Amino acid sequence: MTEVRLRRVYGRPEPDDGARVLVDRVWPRGLSKEDARLDHWEKDVAPSTDLRKWYGHDPERFAEFRRRYEAELDDPSRAAALDRLRALADGGTLTLLTATKDAERSQAAVLAALLNGVR
C-alpha cells in the first residue's frame, strides 16, 4: 500500500497528491467543484451528523471522537466507503481532503491513520 496523506481541501493541489478524495459529509463553503480538483467525494465515510455536532472540533474531545467514529465505521455503508478508500490507496498515493481547519484532529486524520495501519 502507498502512503495516505491528509490535507485541507482549500489548499492548492500538488502534483504528487495522487487520488484526491473529500471525506466530509458537507460540501466545503466557498469552494467550487472545479477549484476543489477532486477525484472522488466519499461522503458516506464521514461521521454521523450527531457525532460531528457533538465533537464540534473540540481538541479535548478528539480521543473520544476517534473511538466513537471508529465504531461508526463498522456501519455497512461506511464500511463500504472505507473499502473504496482502501482500494484507492492500494492503487497509489491517496490524499484525503477535509475543510476542517484542524485537519490533524478530524475524521480525515482518523481515516488516514487507519489506512496507513496506525492505531
PDB file of N, CA and C in Angstrom:
ATOM      1  N   MET A   1       0.840  -1.184   0.000  1.00  0.00           N
ATOM      2  CA  MET A   1       0.000   0.000   0.000  1.00  0.00           C
ATOM      3  C   MET A   1       0.884   1.246   0.000  1.00  0.00           C
ATOM      4  N   THR A   2       0.408   2.259  -0.657  1.00  0.00           N
ATOM      5  CA  THR A   2       1.115   3.528  -0.735  1.00  0.00           C
ATOM      6  C   THR A   2       0.683   4.425   0.427  1.00  0.00           C
ATOM      7  N   GLU A   3       1.397   5.480   0.630  1.00  0.00           N
ATOM      8  CA  GLU A   3       1.093   6.420   1.702  1.00  0.00           C
ATOM      9  C   GLU A   3      -0.254   7.107   1.482  1.00  0.00           C
ATOM     10  N   VAL A   4      -0.987   7.237   2.586  1.00  0.00           N
ATOM     11  CA  VAL A   4      -2.225   8.005   2.583  1.00  0.00           C
ATOM     12  C   VAL A   4      -1.912   9.335   3.259  1.00  0.00           C
ATOM     13  N   ARG A   5      -2.211  10.416   2.557  1.00  0.00           N
ATOM     14  CA  ARG A   5      -1.901  11.752   3.038  1.00  0.00           C
ATOM     15  C   ARG A   5      -3.155  12.474   3.491  1.00  0.00           C
ATOM     16  N   LEU A   6      -2.940  13.551   4.193  1.00  0.00           N
ATOM     17  CA  LEU A   6      -4.025  14.343   4.749  1.00  0.00           C
ATOM     18  C   LEU A   6      -3.762  15.810   4.416  1.00  0.00           C
ATOM     19  N   ARG A   7      -4.783  16.480   3.864  1.00  0.00           N
ATOM     20  CA  ARG A   7      -4.638  17.901   3.519  1.00  0.00           C
ATOM     21  C   ARG A   7      -5.986  18.592   3.630  1.00  0.00           C
ATOM     22  N   ARG A   8      -5.923  19.907   3.719  1.00  0.00           N
ATOM     23  CA  ARG A   8      -7.154  20.697   3.662  1.00  0.00           C
ATOM     24  C   ARG A   8      -7.556  20.854   2.200  1.00  0.00           C
ATOM     25  N   VAL A   9      -8.838  20.795   1.942  1.00  0.00           N
ATOM     26  CA  VAL A   9      -9.349  20.875   0.579  1.00  0.00           C
ATOM     27  C   VAL A   9      -9.125  22.258  -0.026  1.00  0.00           C
ATOM     28  N   TYR A  10      -8.924  23.269   0.805  1.00  0.00           N
ATOM     29  CA  TYR A  10      -8.721  24.630   0.309  1.00  0.00           C
ATOM     30  C   TYR A  10      -7.303  24.865  -0.204  1.00  0.00           C
ATOM     31  N   GLY A  11      -6.392  23.952   0.092  1.00  0.00           N
ATOM     32  CA  GLY A  11      -5.014  24.108  -0.366  1.00  0.00           C
ATOM     33  C   GLY A  11      -4.882  23.825  -1.854  1.00  0.00           C
ATOM     34  N   ARG A  12      -3.807  24.340  -2.423  1.00  0.00           N
ATOM     35  CA  ARG A  12      -3.536  24.116  -3.843  1.00  0.00           C
ATOM     36  C   ARG A  12      -3.196  22.639  -4.066  1.00  0.00           C
ATOM     37  N   PRO A  13      -3.792  22.017  -5.079  1.00  0.00           N
ATOM     38  CA  PRO A  13      -3.435  20.628  -5.396  1.00  0.00           C
ATOM     39  C   PRO A  13      -1.955  20.511  -5.733  1.00  0.00           C
ATOM     40  N   GLU A  14      -1.353  19.426  -5.285  1.00  0.00           N
ATOM     41  CA  GLU A  14       0.058  19.173  -5.562  1.00  0.00           C
ATOM     42  C   GLU A  14       0.171  18.054  -6.588  1.00  0.00           C
ATOM     43  N   PRO A  15       1.217  18.080  -7.415  1.00  0.00           N
ATOM     44  CA  PRO A  15       1.366  17.054  -8.455  1.00  0.00           C
ATOM     45  C   PRO A  15       1.457  15.627  -7.900  1.00  0.00           C
ATOM     46  N   ASP A  16       1.959  15.487  -6.666  1.00  0.00           N
ATOM     47  CA  ASP A  16       2.115  14.142  -6.099  1.00  0.00           C
ATOM     48  C   ASP A  16       0.968  13.744  -5.170  1.00  0.00           C
ATOM     49  N   ASP A  17      -0.184  14.429  -5.259  1.00  0.00           N
ATOM     50  CA  ASP A  17      -1.343  14.099  -4.419  1.00  0.00           C
ATOM     51  C   ASP A  17      -1.924  12.726  -4.736  1.00  0.00           C
ATOM     52  N   GLY A  18      -1.770  12.271  -5.946  1.00  0.00           N
ATOM     53  CA  GLY A  18      -2.435  11.022  -6.325  1.00  0.00           C
ATOM     54  C   GLY A  18      -3.932  11.247  -6.387  1.00  0.00           C
ATOM     55  N   ALA A  19      -4.699  10.259  -5.945  1.00  0.00           N
ATOM     56  CA  ALA A  19      -6.159  10.393  -5.920  1.00  0.00           C
ATOM     57  C   ALA A  19      -6.540  11.350  -4.793  1.00  0.00           C
ATOM     58  N   ARG A  20      -7.324  12.374  -5.131  1.00  0.00           N
ATOM     59  CA  ARG A  20      -7.776  13.378  -4.159  1.00  0.00           C
ATOM     60  C   ARG A  20      -9.225  13.097  -3.811  1.00  0.00           C
ATOM     61  N   VAL A  21      -9.469  12.795  -2.514  1.00  0.00           N
ATOM     62  CA  VAL A  21     -10.807  12.390  -2.081  1.00  0.00           C
ATOM     63  C   VAL A  21     -11.257  13.232  -0.895  1.00  0.00           C
ATOM     64  N   LEU A  22     -12.383  13.916  -1.065  1.00  0.00           N
ATOM     65  CA  LEU A  22     -13.007  14.663   0.020  1.00  0.00           C
ATOM     66  C   LEU A  22     -13.752  13.673   0.912  1.00  0.00           C
ATOM     67  N   VAL A  23     -13.514  13.739   2.230  1.00  0.00           N
ATOM     68  CA  VAL A  23     -14.154  12.794   3.155  1.00  0.00           C
ATOM     69  C   VAL A  23     -15.082  13.502   4.139  1.00  0.00           C
ATOM     70  N   ASP A  24     -15.544  14.690   3.788  1.00  0.00           N
ATOM     71  CA  ASP A  24     -16.521  15.422   4.591  1.00  0.00           C
ATOM     72  C   ASP A  24     -17.928  15.106   4.089  1.00  0.00           C
ATOM     73  N   ARG A  25     -18.894  15.138   4.992  1.00  0.00           N
ATOM     74  CA  ARG A  25     -20.288  14.912   4.598  1.00  0.00           C
ATOM     75  C   ARG A  25     -20.868  16.147   3.911  1.00  0.00           C
ATOM     76  N   VAL A  26     -20.417  17.334   4.334  1.00  0.00           N
ATOM     77  CA  VAL A  26     -20.945  18.598   3.827  1.00  0.00           C
ATOM     78  C   VAL A  26     -19.916  19.222   2.879  1.00  0.00           C
ATOM     79  N   TRP A  27     -20.410  19.771   1.768  1.00  0.00           N
ATOM     80  CA  TRP A  27     -19.508  20.409   0.803  1.00  0.00           C
ATOM     81  C   TRP A  27     -18.855  21.637   1.442  1.00  0.00           C
ATOM     82  N   PRO A  28     -17.562  21.860   1.216  1.00  0.00           N
ATOM     83  CA  PRO A  28     -16.845  22.992   1.808  1.00  0.00           C
ATOM     84  C   PRO A  28     -17.395  24.337   1.343  1.00  0.00           C
ATOM     85  N   ARG A  29     -17.558  25.243   2.285  1.00  0.00           N
ATOM     86  CA  ARG A  29     -18.069  26.581   1.980  1.00  0.00           C
ATOM     87  C   ARG A  29     -17.125  27.347   1.080  1.00  0.00           C
ATOM     88  N   GLY A  30     -17.715  28.033   0.110  1.00  0.00           N
ATOM     89  CA  GLY A  30     -16.960  28.944  -0.728  1.00  0.00           C
ATOM     90  C   GLY A  30     -16.014  28.285  -1.712  1.00  0.00           C
ATOM     91  N   LEU A  31     -16.160  27.000  -1.944  1.00  0.00           N
ATOM     92  CA  LEU A  31     -15.260  26.277  -2.846  1.00  0.00           C
ATOM     93  C   LEU A  31     -16.070  25.682  -3.993  1.00  0.00           C
ATOM     94  N   SER A  32     -15.672  26.008  -5.213  1.00  0.00           N
ATOM     95  CA  SER A  32     -16.367  25.428  -6.364  1.00  0.00           C
ATOM     96  C   SER A  32     -15.862  24.010  -6.589  1.00  0.00           C
ATOM     97  N   LYS A  33     -16.665  23.210  -7.247  1.00  0.00           N
ATOM     98  CA  LYS A  33     -16.249  21.841  -7.558  1.00  0.00           C
ATOM     99  C   LYS A  33     -15.018  21.854  -8.456  1.00  0.00           C
ATOM    100  N   GLU A  34     -14.934  22.823  -9.335  1.00  0.00           N
ATOM    101  CA  GLU A  34     -13.783  22.928 -10.232  1.00  0.00           C
ATOM    102  C   GLU A  34     -12.507  23.238  -9.445  1.00  0.00           C
ATOM    103  N   ASP A  35     -12.589  24.181  -8.509  1.00  0.00           N
ATOM    104  CA  ASP A  35     -11.415  24.559  -7.717  1.00  0.00           C
ATOM    105  C   ASP A  35     -10.967  23.450  -6.769  1.00  0.00           C
ATOM    106  N   ALA A  36     -11.890  22.598  -6.349  1.00  0.00           N
ATOM    107  CA  ALA A  36     -11.551  21.518  -5.416  1.00  0.00           C
ATOM    108  C   ALA A  36     -10.652  20.468  -6.072  1.00  0.00           C
ATOM    109  N   ARG A  37     -10.805  20.294  -7.387  1.00  0.00           N
ATOM    110  CA  ARG A  37      -9.994  19.325  -8.129  1.00  0.00           C
ATOM    111  C   ARG A  37     -10.007  17.946  -7.464  1.00  0.00           C
ATOM    112  N   LEU A  38     -11.210  17.429  -7.248  1.00  0.00           N
ATOM    113  CA  LEU A  38     -11.386  16.129  -6.601  1.00  0.00           C
ATOM    114  C   LEU A  38     -11.447  15.014  -7.619  1.00  0.00           C
ATOM    115  N   ASP A  39     -11.021  13.842  -7.177  1.00  0.00           N
ATOM    116  CA  ASP A  39     -11.264  12.629  -7.947  1.00  0.00           C
ATOM    117  C   ASP A  39     -12.534  11.942  -7.457  1.00  0.00           C
ATOM    118  N   HIS A  40     -12.791  12.077  -6.155  1.00  0.00           N
ATOM    119  CA  HIS A  40     -13.978  11.455  -5.547  1.00  0.00           C
ATOM    120  C   HIS A  40     -14.431  12.282  -4.349  1.00  0.00           C
ATOM    121  N   TRP A  41     -15.708  12.119  -4.014  1.00  0.00           N
ATOM    122  CA  TRP A  41     -16.262  12.666  -2.780  1.00  0.00           C
ATOM    123  C   TRP A  41     -16.901  11.500  -2.056  1.00  0.00           C
ATOM    124  N   GLU A  42     -16.258  11.004  -1.006  1.00  0.00           N
ATOM    125  CA  GLU A  42     -16.756   9.859  -0.229  1.00  0.00           C
ATOM    126  C   GLU A  42     -17.477  10.343   1.017  1.00  0.00           C
ATOM    127  N   LYS A  43     -18.644  10.973   0.826  1.00  0.00           N
ATOM    128  CA  LYS A  43     -19.359  11.490   1.989  1.00  0.00           C
ATOM    129  C   LYS A  43     -19.920  10.386   2.870  1.00  0.00           C
ATOM    130  N   ASP A  44     -20.079   9.165   2.322  1.00  0.00           N
ATOM    131  CA  ASP A  44     -20.608   8.058   3.130  1.00  0.00           C
ATOM    132  C   ASP A  44     -19.639   7.594   4.211  1.00  0.00           C
ATOM    133  N   VAL A  45     -18.358   7.955   4.104  1.00  0.00           N
ATOM    134  CA  VAL A  45     -17.378   7.552   5.108  1.00  0.00           C
ATOM    135  C   VAL A  45     -17.307   8.564   6.263  1.00  0.00           C
ATOM    136  N   ALA A  46     -17.956   9.688   6.107  1.00  0.00           N
ATOM    137  CA  ALA A  46     -17.916  10.749   7.117  1.00  0.00           C
ATOM    138  C   ALA A  46     -18.668  10.324   8.382  1.00  0.00           C
ATOM    139  N   PRO A  47     -18.326  10.936   9.515  1.00  0.00           N
ATOM    140  CA  PRO A  47     -19.053  10.633  10.755  1.00  0.00           C
ATOM    141  C   PRO A  47     -20.499  11.090  10.664  1.00  0.00           C
ATOM    142  N   SER A  48     -21.322  10.489  11.499  1.00  0.00           N
ATOM    143  CA  SER A  48     -22.729  10.881  11.538  1.00  0.00           C
ATOM    144  C   SER A  48     -22.845  12.352  11.924  1.00  0.00           C
ATOM    145  N   THR A  49     -23.951  12.950  11.554  1.00  0.00           N
ATOM    146  CA  THR A  49     -24.196  14.352  11.897  1.00  0.00           C
ATOM    147  C   THR A  49     -24.182  14.536  13.409  1.00  0.00           C
ATOM    148  N   ASP A  50     -24.800  13.597  14.137  1.00  0.00           N
ATOM    149  CA  ASP A  50     -24.834  13.702  15.599  1.00  0.00           C
ATOM    150  C   ASP A  50     -23.425  13.684  16.187  1.00  0.00           C
ATOM    151  N   LEU A  51     -22.582  12.774  15.703  1.00  0.00           N
ATOM    152  CA  LEU A  51     -21.215  12.693  16.220  1.00  0.00           C
ATOM    153  C   LEU A  51     -20.433  13.947  15.854  1.00  0.00           C
ATOM    154  N   ARG A  52     -20.569  14.405  14.630  1.00  0.00           N
ATOM    155  CA  ARG A  52     -19.864  15.611  14.183  1.00  0.00           C
ATOM    156  C   ARG A  52     -20.251  16.813  15.042  1.00  0.00           C
ATOM    157  N   LYS A  53     -21.550  16.966  15.311  1.00  0.00           N
ATOM    158  CA  LYS A  53     -22.014  18.097  16.120  1.00  0.00           C
ATOM    159  C   LYS A  53     -21.554  17.960  17.568  1.00  0.00           C
ATOM    160  N   TRP A  54     -21.586  16.727  18.100  1.00  0.00           N
ATOM    161  CA  TRP A  54     -21.118  16.511  19.472  1.00  0.00           C
ATOM    162  C   TRP A  54     -19.646  16.899  19.594  1.00  0.00           C
ATOM    163  N   TYR A  55     -18.835  16.474  18.645  1.00  0.00           N
ATOM    164  CA  TYR A  55     -17.398  16.740  18.686  1.00  0.00           C
ATOM    165  C   TYR A  55     -17.114  18.234  18.584  1.00  0.00           C
ATOM    166  N   GLY A  56     -17.717  18.900  17.611  1.00  0.00           N
ATOM    167  CA  GLY A  56     -17.539  20.334  17.450  1.00  0.00           C
ATOM    168  C   GLY A  56     -16.084  20.769  17.323  1.00  0.00           C
ATOM    169  N   HIS A  57     -15.212  19.862  16.934  1.00  0.00           N
ATOM    170  CA  HIS A  57     -13.774  20.128  16.761  1.00  0.00           C
ATOM    171  C   HIS A  57     -13.115  20.629  18.045  1.00  0.00           C
ATOM    172  N   ASP A  58     -13.623  20.142  19.176  1.00  0.00           N
ATOM    173  CA  ASP A  58     -13.034  20.454  20.477  1.00  0.00           C
ATOM    174  C   ASP A  58     -11.848  19.511  20.687  1.00  0.00           C
ATOM    175  N   PRO A  59     -10.617  20.038  20.724  1.00  0.00           N
ATOM    176  CA  PRO A  59      -9.439  19.168  20.858  1.00  0.00           C
ATOM    177  C   PRO A  59      -9.504  18.219  22.058  1.00  0.00           C
ATOM    178  N   GLU A  60     -10.145  18.649  23.136  1.00  0.00           N
ATOM    179  CA  GLU A  60     -10.247  17.795  24.321  1.00  0.00           C
ATOM    180  C   GLU A  60     -11.160  16.593  24.090  1.00  0.00           C
ATOM    181  N   ARG A  61     -12.012  16.656  23.086  1.00  0.00           N
ATOM    182  CA  ARG A  61     -12.922  15.550  22.781  1.00  0.00           C
ATOM    183  C   ARG A  61     -12.397  14.633  21.678  1.00  0.00           C
ATOM    184  N   PHE A  62     -11.209  14.935  21.123  1.00  0.00           N
ATOM    185  CA  PHE A  62     -10.753  14.184  19.957  1.00  0.00           C
ATOM    186  C   PHE A  62     -10.582  12.692  20.229  1.00  0.00           C
ATOM    187  N   ALA A  63     -10.003  12.310  21.348  1.00  0.00           N
ATOM    188  CA  ALA A  63      -9.792  10.880  21.633  1.00  0.00           C
ATOM    189  C   ALA A  63     -11.128  10.139  21.672  1.00  0.00           C
ATOM    190  N   GLU A  64     -12.116  10.724  22.306  1.00  0.00           N
ATOM    191  CA  GLU A  64     -13.439  10.086  22.371  1.00  0.00           C
ATOM    192  C   GLU A  64     -14.107  10.122  21.001  1.00  0.00           C
ATOM    193  N   PHE A  65     -13.936  11.232  20.279  1.00  0.00           N
ATOM    194  CA  PHE A  65     -14.459  11.304  18.915  1.00  0.00           C
ATOM    195  C   PHE A  65     -13.892  10.165  18.083  1.00  0.00           C
ATOM    196  N   ARG A  66     -12.577   9.970  18.153  1.00  0.00           N
ATOM    197  CA  ARG A  66     -11.915   8.912  17.384  1.00  0.00           C
ATOM    198  C   ARG A  66     -12.513   7.543  17.722  1.00  0.00           C
ATOM    199  N   ARG A  67     -12.684   7.276  19.017  1.00  0.00           N
ATOM    200  CA  ARG A  67     -13.242   5.987  19.439  1.00  0.00           C
ATOM    201  C   ARG A  67     -14.657   5.791  18.870  1.00  0.00           C
ATOM    202  N   ARG A  68     -15.483   6.803  19.000  1.00  0.00           N
ATOM    203  CA  ARG A  68     -16.868   6.706  18.510  1.00  0.00           C
ATOM    204  C   ARG A  68     -16.912   6.610  16.984  1.00  0.00           C
ATOM    205  N   TYR A  69     -16.057   7.368  16.323  1.00  0.00           N
ATOM    206  CA  TYR A  69     -16.032   7.351  14.862  1.00  0.00           C
ATOM    207  C   TYR A  69     -15.559   5.999  14.337  1.00  0.00           C
ATOM    208  N   GLU A  70     -14.528   5.440  14.945  1.00  0.00           N
ATOM    209  CA  GLU A  70     -14.067   4.115  14.516  1.00  0.00           C
ATOM    210  C   GLU A  70     -15.181   3.076  14.682  1.00  0.00           C
ATOM    211  N   ALA A  71     -15.988   3.215  15.731  1.00  0.00           N
ATOM    212  CA  ALA A  71     -17.134   2.315  15.916  1.00  0.00           C
ATOM    213  C   ALA A  71     -18.162   2.529  14.799  1.00  0.00           C
ATOM    214  N   GLU A  72     -18.383   3.788  14.418  1.00  0.00           N
ATOM    215  CA  GLU A  72     -19.325   4.073  13.325  1.00  0.00           C
ATOM    216  C   GLU A  72     -18.861   3.480  11.999  1.00  0.00           C
ATOM    217  N   LEU A  73     -17.567   3.327  11.826  1.00  0.00           N
ATOM    218  CA  LEU A  73     -17.046   2.796  10.559  1.00  0.00           C
ATOM    219  C   LEU A  73     -17.415   1.329  10.344  1.00  0.00           C
ATOM    220  N   ASP A  74     -17.977   0.690  11.359  1.00  0.00           N
ATOM    221  CA  ASP A  74     -18.475  -0.685  11.204  1.00  0.00           C
ATOM    222  C   ASP A  74     -19.835  -0.726  10.505  1.00  0.00           C
ATOM    223  N   ASP A  75     -20.519   0.420  10.454  1.00  0.00           N
ATOM    224  CA  ASP A  75     -21.801   0.510   9.753  1.00  0.00           C
ATOM    225  C   ASP A  75     -21.580   0.103   8.291  1.00  0.00           C
ATOM    226  N   PRO A  76     -22.474  -0.732   7.723  1.00  0.00           N
ATOM    227  CA  PRO A  76     -22.236  -1.248   6.365  1.00  0.00           C
ATOM    228  C   PRO A  76     -21.951  -0.187   5.297  1.00  0.00           C
ATOM    229  N   SER A  77     -22.678   0.919   5.293  1.00  0.00           N
ATOM    230  CA  SER A  77     -22.434   1.916   4.237  1.00  0.00           C
ATOM    231  C   SER A  77     -21.088   2.609   4.454  1.00  0.00           C
ATOM    232  N   ARG A  78     -20.738   2.876   5.704  1.00  0.00           N
ATOM    233  CA  ARG A  78     -19.426   3.486   5.981  1.00  0.00           C
ATOM    234  C   ARG A  78     -18.300   2.487   5.710  1.00  0.00           C
ATOM    235  N   ALA A  79     -18.524   1.228   6.072  1.00  0.00           N
ATOM    236  CA  ALA A  79     -17.503   0.196   5.830  1.00  0.00           C
ATOM    237  C   ALA A  79     -17.248   0.042   4.332  1.00  0.00           C
ATOM    238  N   ALA A  80     -18.296   0.116   3.523  1.00  0.00           N
ATOM    239  CA  ALA A  80     -18.141   0.008   2.067  1.00  0.00           C
ATOM    240  C   ALA A  80     -17.349   1.205   1.534  1.00  0.00           C
ATOM    241  N   ALA A  81     -17.628   2.394   2.059  1.00  0.00           N
ATOM    242  CA  ALA A  81     -16.887   3.591   1.640  1.00  0.00           C
ATOM    243  C   ALA A  81     -15.424   3.482   2.062  1.00  0.00           C
ATOM    244  N   LEU A  82     -15.175   2.954   3.257  1.00  0.00           N
ATOM    245  CA  LEU A  82     -13.793   2.761   3.719  1.00  0.00           C
ATOM    246  C   LEU A  82     -13.072   1.754   2.824  1.00  0.00           C
ATOM    247  N   ASP A  83     -13.777   0.718   2.395  1.00  0.00           N
ATOM    248  CA  ASP A  83     -13.181  -0.254   1.467  1.00  0.00           C
ATOM    249  C   ASP A  83     -12.815   0.403   0.139  1.00  0.00           C
ATOM    250  N   ARG A  84     -13.650   1.337  -0.328  1.00  0.00           N
ATOM    251  CA  ARG A  84     -13.329   2.056  -1.568  1.00  0.00           C
ATOM    252  C   ARG A  84     -12.060   2.885  -1.390  1.00  0.00           C
ATOM    253  N   LEU A  85     -11.904   3.500  -0.208  1.00  0.00           N
ATOM    254  CA  LEU A  85     -10.683   4.251   0.069  1.00  0.00           C
ATOM    255  C   LEU A  85      -9.468   3.324   0.104  1.00  0.00           C
ATOM    256  N   ARG A  86      -9.636   2.151   0.705  1.00  0.00           N
ATOM    257  CA  ARG A  86      -8.532   1.172   0.738  1.00  0.00           C
ATOM    258  C   ARG A  86      -8.109   0.783  -0.675  1.00  0.00           C
ATOM    259  N   ALA A  87      -9.090   0.573  -1.536  1.00  0.00           N
ATOM    260  CA  ALA A  87      -8.791   0.198  -2.929  1.00  0.00           C
ATOM    261  C   ALA A  87      -8.019   1.322  -3.631  1.00  0.00           C
ATOM    262  N   LEU A  88      -8.422   2.560  -3.399  1.00  0.00           N
ATOM    263  CA  LEU A  88      -7.699   3.688  -3.990  1.00  0.00           C
ATOM    264  C   LEU A  88      -6.267   3.749  -3.449  1.00  0.00           C
ATOM    265  N   ALA A  89      -6.103   3.518  -2.159  1.00  0.00           N
ATOM    266  CA  ALA A  89      -4.774   3.545  -1.546  1.00  0.00           C
ATOM    267  C   ALA A  89      -3.901   2.417  -2.092  1.00  0.00           C
ATOM    268  N   ASP A  90      -4.512   1.279  -2.363  1.00  0.00           N
ATOM    269  CA  ASP A  90      -3.754   0.156  -2.924  1.00  0.00           C
ATOM    270  C   ASP A  90      -3.267   0.469  -4.337  1.00  0.00           C
ATOM    271  N   GLY A  91      -3.966   1.392  -5.007  1.00  0.00           N
ATOM    272  CA  GLY A  91      -3.620   1.739  -6.378  1.00  0.00           C
ATOM    273  C   GLY A  91      -2.587   2.851  -6.500  1.00  0.00           C
ATOM    274  N   GLY A  92      -2.210   3.451  -5.414  1.00  0.00           N
ATOM    275  CA  GLY A  92      -1.232   4.539  -5.473  1.00  0.00           C
ATOM    276  C   GLY A  92      -1.472   5.541  -4.363  1.00  0.00           C
ATOM    277  N   THR A  93      -0.833   6.674  -4.465  1.00  0.00           N
ATOM    278  CA  THR A  93      -0.955   7.696  -3.429  1.00  0.00           C
ATOM    279  C   THR A  93      -2.404   8.161  -3.311  1.00  0.00           C
ATOM    280  N   LEU A  94      -2.844   8.324  -2.077  1.00  0.00           N
ATOM    281  CA  LEU A  94      -4.199   8.781  -1.779  1.00  0.00           C
ATOM    282  C   LEU A  94      -4.088   9.986  -0.856  1.00  0.00           C
ATOM    283  N   THR A  95      -4.742  11.076  -1.235  1.00  0.00           N
ATOM    284  CA  THR A  95      -4.779  12.263  -0.385  1.00  0.00           C
ATOM    285  C   THR A  95      -6.220  12.472   0.070  1.00  0.00           C
ATOM    286  N   LEU A  96      -6.427  12.378   1.392  1.00  0.00           N
ATOM    287  CA  LEU A  96      -7.735  12.615   1.983  1.00  0.00           C
ATOM    288  C   LEU A  96      -7.859  14.105   2.276  1.00  0.00           C
ATOM    289  N   LEU A  97      -8.977  14.670   1.881  1.00  0.00           N
ATOM    290  CA  LEU A  97      -9.198  16.105   1.998  1.00  0.00           C
ATOM    291  C   LEU A  97     -10.345  16.411   2.939  1.00  0.00           C
ATOM    292  N   THR A  98     -10.181  17.471   3.703  1.00  0.00           N
ATOM    293  CA  THR A  98     -11.223  17.936   4.600  1.00  0.00           C
ATOM    294  C   THR A  98     -11.210  19.464   4.626  1.00  0.00           C
ATOM    295  N   ALA A  99     -12.357  20.048   4.907  1.00  0.00           N
ATOM    296  CA  ALA A  99     -12.445  21.502   5.035  1.00  0.00           C
ATOM    297  C   ALA A  99     -12.087  21.952   6.448  1.00  0.00           C
ATOM    298  N   THR A 100     -12.014  21.027   7.364  1.00  0.00           N
ATOM    299  CA  THR A 100     -11.734  21.326   8.762  1.00  0.00           C
ATOM    300  C   THR A 100     -10.424  22.101   8.917  1.00  0.00           C
ATOM    301  N   LYS A 101     -10.433  23.143   9.754  1.00  0.00           N
ATOM    302  CA  LYS A 101      -9.228  23.948   9.966  1.00  0.00           C
ATOM    303  C   LYS A 101      -8.128  23.133  10.632  1.00  0.00           C
ATOM    304  N   ASP A 102      -8.492  22.268  11.568  1.00  0.00           N
ATOM    305  CA  ASP A 102      -7.513  21.439  12.275  1.00  0.00           C
ATOM    306  C   ASP A 102      -7.577  20.026  11.690  1.00  0.00           C
ATOM    307  N   ALA A 103      -6.971  19.856  10.536  1.00  0.00           N
ATOM    308  CA  ALA A 103      -7.047  18.574   9.830  1.00  0.00           C
ATOM    309  C   ALA A 103      -6.463  17.421  10.645  1.00  0.00           C
ATOM    310  N   GLU A 104      -5.502  17.715  11.521  1.00  0.00           N
ATOM    311  CA  GLU A 104      -4.869  16.661  12.326  1.00  0.00           C
ATOM    312  C   GLU A 104      -5.795  16.102  13.399  1.00  0.00           C
ATOM    313  N   ARG A 105      -6.892  16.796  13.674  1.00  0.00           N
ATOM    314  CA  ARG A 105      -7.890  16.322  14.640  1.00  0.00           C
ATOM    315  C   ARG A 105      -9.251  16.255  13.955  1.00  0.00           C
ATOM    316  N   SER A 106      -9.300  15.515  12.870  1.00  0.00           N
ATOM    317  CA  SER A 106     -10.526  15.404  12.080  1.00  0.00           C
ATOM    318  C   SER A 106     -10.777  13.950  11.710  1.00  0.00           C
ATOM    319  N   GLN A 107     -11.924  13.702  11.115  1.00  0.00           N
ATOM    320  CA  GLN A 107     -12.208  12.358  10.635  1.00  0.00           C
ATOM    321  C   GLN A 107     -11.214  11.945   9.567  1.00  0.00           C
ATOM    322  N   ALA A 108     -10.723  12.908   8.795  1.00  0.00           N
ATOM    323  CA  ALA A 108      -9.733  12.595   7.758  1.00  0.00           C
ATOM    324  C   ALA A 108      -8.451  12.054   8.392  1.00  0.00           C
ATOM    325  N   ALA A 109      -8.056  12.614   9.543  1.00  0.00           N
ATOM    326  CA  ALA A 109      -6.866  12.133  10.251  1.00  0.00           C
ATOM    327  C   ALA A 109      -7.085  10.714  10.764  1.00  0.00           C
ATOM    328  N   VAL A 110      -8.286  10.445  11.276  1.00  0.00           N
ATOM    329  CA  VAL A 110      -8.601   9.089  11.756  1.00  0.00           C
ATOM    330  C   VAL A 110      -8.532   8.110  10.591  1.00  0.00           C
ATOM    331  N   LEU A 111      -9.120   8.487   9.473  1.00  0.00           N
ATOM    332  CA  LEU A 111      -9.105   7.615   8.288  1.00  0.00           C
ATOM    333  C   LEU A 111      -7.687   7.391   7.770  1.00  0.00           C
ATOM    334  N   ALA A 112      -6.894   8.455   7.702  1.00  0.00           N
ATOM    335  CA  ALA A 112      -5.512   8.317   7.212  1.00  0.00           C
ATOM    336  C   ALA A 112      -4.729   7.360   8.106  1.00  0.00           C
ATOM    337  N   ALA A 113      -4.901   7.491   9.420  1.00  0.00           N
ATOM    338  CA  ALA A 113      -4.207   6.601  10.354  1.00  0.00           C
ATOM    339  C   ALA A 113      -4.645   5.145  10.140  1.00  0.00           C
ATOM    340  N   LEU A 114      -5.942   4.928  10.002  1.00  0.00           N
ATOM    341  CA  LEU A 114      -6.443   3.565   9.761  1.00  0.00           C
ATOM    342  C   LEU A 114      -5.889   2.988   8.468  1.00  0.00           C
ATOM    343  N   LEU A 115      -5.928   3.794   7.422  1.00  0.00           N
ATOM    344  CA  LEU A 115      -5.476   3.311   6.105  1.00  0.00           C
ATOM    345  C   LEU A 115      -3.965   3.130   6.053  1.00  0.00           C
ATOM    346  N   ASN A 116      -3.237   3.871   6.882  1.00  0.00           N
ATOM    347  CA  ASN A 116      -1.785   3.707   6.961  1.00  0.00           C
ATOM    348  C   ASN A 116      -1.387   2.624   7.959  1.00  0.00           C
ATOM    349  N   GLY A 117      -2.378   1.987   8.581  1.00  0.00           N
ATOM    350  CA  GLY A 117      -2.095   0.917   9.527  1.00  0.00           C
ATOM    351  C   GLY A 117      -1.628   1.391  10.882  1.00  0.00           C
ATOM    352  N   VAL A 118      -1.958   2.638  11.228  1.00  0.00           N
ATOM    353  CA  VAL A 118      -1.583   3.213  12.531  1.00  0.00           C
ATOM    354  C   VAL A 118      -2.824   3.267  13.405  1.00  0.00           C
ATOM    355  N   ARG A 119      -2.671   2.865  14.654  1.00  0.00           N
ATOM    356  CA  ARG A 119      -3.809   2.929  15.590  1.00  0.00           C
ATOM    357  C   ARG A 119      -3.558   3.960  16.635  1.00  0.00           C
TER     358      ARG A 119
END
